[in-house]
């Protein structure tokens, strides 16, 4: 099983409001798009309070990291204050869940 990892060079942030008139409520209120060498390689999506958080996954070569909104400030702090920062996808062998794995952020020594 091969780990997919990217060094994060830059990121962009999107924060969504509820569409109260239309009744549209997004389960993911905050989104951080993560870039490596000029291309989007991952998304970190943070669920609203009380929303169920989906499992992370790898689609093609893009990592999708999902977490409770409580982790948003921690991830943002990591991206702003640590160098270098990486995001990774590690497959997990689980016969009950094909394609299962873990998505996570990490740093390395400078």
C-alpha atoms as a PDB file:
ATOM      1  CA  UNK A   1       0.000   0.000   0.000  1.00  0.00           C
ATOM      2  CA  UNK A   2       1.414   3.293  -1.079  1.00  0.00           C
ATOM      3  CA  UNK A   3       1.110   6.519   0.852  1.00  0.00           C
ATOM      4  CA  UNK A   4       0.136   9.589  -1.202  1.00  0.00           C
ATOM      5  CA  UNK A   5       1.617  12.798   0.195  1.00  0.00           C
ATOM      6  CA  UNK A   6       2.007  16.405  -0.870  1.00  0.00           C
ATOM      7  CA  UNK A   7       4.014  19.335   0.455  1.00  0.00           C
ATOM      8  CA  UNK A   8       1.554  22.220   0.795  1.00  0.00           C
ATOM      9  CA  UNK A   9       2.835  25.357  -0.952  1.00  0.00           C
ATOM     10  CA  UNK A  10      -0.311  27.479  -0.664  1.00  0.00           C
ATOM     11  CA  UNK A  11      -3.978  27.333   0.247  1.00  0.00           C
ATOM     12  CA  UNK A  12      -7.252  29.187  -0.177  1.00  0.00           C
ATOM     13  CA  UNK A  13     -10.160  29.422   2.247  1.00  0.00           C
ATOM     14  CA  UNK A  14     -13.909  29.393   1.644  1.00  0.00           C
ATOM     15  CA  UNK A  15     -16.475  29.938   4.418  1.00  0.00           C
ATOM     16  CA  UNK A  16     -20.117  29.401   3.539  1.00  0.00           C
ATOM     17  CA  UNK A  17     -23.250  30.966   4.978  1.00  0.00           C
ATOM     18  CA  UNK A  18     -26.579  29.176   5.179  1.00  0.00           C
ATOM     19  CA  UNK A  19     -29.177  29.917   2.521  1.00  0.00           C
ATOM     20  CA  UNK A  20     -32.009  30.437   4.989  1.00  0.00           C
ATOM     21  CA  UNK A  21     -34.621  31.602   2.453  1.00  0.00           C
ATOM     22  CA  UNK A  22     -33.922  28.690   0.122  1.00  0.00           C
ATOM     23  CA  UNK A  23     -33.510  26.312   3.040  1.00  0.00           C
ATOM     24  CA  UNK A  24     -30.128  25.116   1.820  1.00  0.00           C
ATOM     25  CA  UNK A  25     -27.756  24.275   4.639  1.00  0.00           C
ATOM     26  CA  UNK A  26     -24.300  22.960   3.842  1.00  0.00           C
ATOM     27  CA  UNK A  27     -22.944  20.256   6.130  1.00  0.00           C
ATOM     28  CA  UNK A  28     -19.444  21.578   5.365  1.00  0.00           C
ATOM     29  CA  UNK A  29     -19.255  25.198   6.436  1.00  0.00           C
ATOM     30  CA  UNK A  30     -15.517  25.775   5.936  1.00  0.00           C
ATOM     31  CA  UNK A  31     -13.285  24.585   3.118  1.00  0.00           C
ATOM     32  CA  UNK A  32      -9.525  24.885   2.714  1.00  0.00           C
ATOM     33  CA  UNK A  33      -8.209  24.128  -0.771  1.00  0.00           C
ATOM     34  CA  UNK A  34      -4.602  22.919  -0.610  1.00  0.00           C
ATOM     35  CA  UNK A  35      -2.092  23.401  -3.419  1.00  0.00           C
ATOM     36  CA  UNK A  36       1.249  21.839  -4.266  1.00  0.00           C
ATOM     37  CA  UNK A  37       3.344  23.006  -7.205  1.00  0.00           C
ATOM     38  CA  UNK A  38       0.470  25.111  -8.516  1.00  0.00           C
ATOM     39  CA  UNK A  39      -2.252  22.463  -8.526  1.00  0.00           C
ATOM     40  CA  UNK A  40      -5.010  21.625  -6.088  1.00  0.00           C
ATOM     41  CA  UNK A  41      -4.032  18.351  -4.413  1.00  0.00           C
ATOM     42  CA  UNK A  42      -6.419  18.223  -1.456  1.00  0.00           C
ATOM     43  CA  UNK A  43      -9.417  19.722   0.256  1.00  0.00           C
ATOM     44  CA  UNK A  44      -9.957  19.989   3.990  1.00  0.00           C
ATOM     45  CA  UNK A  45     -13.674  20.302   4.733  1.00  0.00           C
ATOM     46  CA  UNK A  46     -14.983  21.132   8.206  1.00  0.00           C
ATOM     47  CA  UNK A  47     -18.516  20.142   9.193  1.00  0.00           C
ATOM     48  CA  UNK A  48     -20.954  22.406  10.977  1.00  0.00           C
ATOM     49  CA  UNK A  49     -21.617  21.714  14.620  1.00  0.00           C
ATOM     50  CA  UNK A  50     -23.826  18.650  14.988  1.00  0.00           C
ATOM     51  CA  UNK A  51     -23.296  17.403  11.420  1.00  0.00           C
ATOM     52  CA  UNK A  52     -21.967  13.919  10.788  1.00  0.00           C
ATOM     53  CA  UNK A  53     -18.424  13.933   9.387  1.00  0.00           C
ATOM     54  CA  UNK A  54     -17.815  11.647   6.400  1.00  0.00           C
ATOM     55  CA  UNK A  55     -14.749   9.454   6.176  1.00  0.00           C
ATOM     56  CA  UNK A  56     -11.750  10.799   4.269  1.00  0.00           C
ATOM     57  CA  UNK A  57     -11.001   9.440   0.831  1.00  0.00           C
ATOM     58  CA  UNK A  58      -8.625   9.616  -2.110  1.00  0.00           C
ATOM     59  CA  UNK A  59     -10.135  10.371  -5.518  1.00  0.00           C
ATOM     60  CA  UNK A  60      -7.667  10.051  -8.355  1.00  0.00           C
ATOM     61  CA  UNK A  61      -4.711  11.833  -6.799  1.00  0.00           C
ATOM     62  CA  UNK A  62      -6.728  14.311  -4.699  1.00  0.00           C
ATOM     63  CA  UNK A  63      -7.036  13.851  -0.929  1.00  0.00           C
ATOM     64  CA  UNK A  64     -10.307  14.721   0.785  1.00  0.00           C
ATOM     65  CA  UNK A  65      -9.846  15.369   4.525  1.00  0.00           C
ATOM     66  CA  UNK A  66     -13.044  15.773   6.572  1.00  0.00           C
ATOM     67  CA  UNK A  67     -13.237  16.882  10.192  1.00  0.00           C
ATOM     68  CA  UNK A  68     -15.457  18.530  12.772  1.00  0.00           C
ATOM     69  CA  UNK A  69     -15.421  22.333  12.820  1.00  0.00           C
ATOM     70  CA  UNK A  70     -13.481  22.089  16.090  1.00  0.00           C
ATOM     71  CA  UNK A  71     -10.342  21.200  14.090  1.00  0.00           C
ATOM     72  CA  UNK A  72     -10.500  24.169  11.695  1.00  0.00           C
ATOM     73  CA  UNK A  73      -8.412  26.522  13.878  1.00  0.00           C
ATOM     74  CA  UNK A  74      -5.804  23.809  14.472  1.00  0.00           C
ATOM     75  CA  UNK A  75      -5.363  23.109  10.754  1.00  0.00           C
ATOM     76  CA  UNK A  76      -5.268  26.813   9.938  1.00  0.00           C
ATOM     77  CA  UNK A  77      -2.650  27.387  12.655  1.00  0.00           C
ATOM     78  CA  UNK A  78      -0.538  24.575  11.224  1.00  0.00           C
ATOM     79  CA  UNK A  79      -0.733  26.000   7.698  1.00  0.00           C
ATOM     80  CA  UNK A  80       0.099  29.538   8.843  1.00  0.00           C
ATOM     81  CA  UNK A  81       2.874  28.814  11.314  1.00  0.00           C
ATOM     82  CA  UNK A  82       4.684  25.611  10.376  1.00  0.00           C
ATOM     83  CA  UNK A  83       7.039  24.909   7.481  1.00  0.00           C
ATOM     84  CA  UNK A  84       7.007  22.565   5.728  1.00  0.00           C
ATOM     85  CA  UNK A  85       3.465  21.168   6.069  1.00  0.00           C
ATOM     86  CA  UNK A  86       2.340  18.005   4.306  1.00  0.00           C
ATOM     87  CA  UNK A  87      -0.973  16.274   3.783  1.00  0.00           C
ATOM     88  CA  UNK A  88      -1.051  12.529   3.296  1.00  0.00           C
ATOM     89  CA  UNK A  89      -3.374   9.661   2.481  1.00  0.00           C
ATOM     90  CA  UNK A  90      -2.471   6.257   3.904  1.00  0.00           C
ATOM     91  CA  UNK A  91      -4.542   3.297   2.677  1.00  0.00           C
ATOM     92  CA  UNK A  92      -5.741   0.875   5.346  1.00  0.00           C
ATOM     93  CA  UNK A  93      -6.300  -2.792   4.597  1.00  0.00           C
ATOM     94  CA  UNK A  94      -9.893  -3.499   5.598  1.00  0.00           C
ATOM     95  CA  UNK A  95     -11.866  -6.176   3.740  1.00  0.00           C
ATOM     96  CA  UNK A  96     -15.139  -4.623   4.966  1.00  0.00           C
ATOM     97  CA  UNK A  97     -14.270  -1.175   3.564  1.00  0.00           C
ATOM     98  CA  UNK A  98     -12.538  -1.163   0.177  1.00  0.00           C
ATOM     99  CA  UNK A  99     -10.699   2.105  -0.406  1.00  0.00           C
ATOM    100  CA  UNK A 100     -10.460   2.783   3.334  1.00  0.00           C
ATOM    101  CA  UNK A 101      -7.658   4.971   4.602  1.00  0.00           C
ATOM    102  CA  UNK A 102      -6.553   7.855   6.755  1.00  0.00           C
ATOM    103  CA  UNK A 103      -5.972  11.471   5.707  1.00  0.00           C
ATOM    104  CA  UNK A 104      -3.739  13.585   7.948  1.00  0.00           C
ATOM    105  CA  UNK A 105      -1.459  16.615   8.163  1.00  0.00           C
ATOM    106  CA  UNK A 106       2.123  16.460   9.377  1.00  0.00           C
ATOM    107  CA  UNK A 107       5.354  18.439   9.546  1.00  0.00           C
ATOM    108  CA  UNK A 108       8.994  17.444   9.118  1.00  0.00           C
ATOM    109  CA  UNK A 109      12.158  18.743  10.665  1.00  0.00           C
ATOM    110  CA  UNK A 110      13.635  21.754   8.913  1.00  0.00           C
END
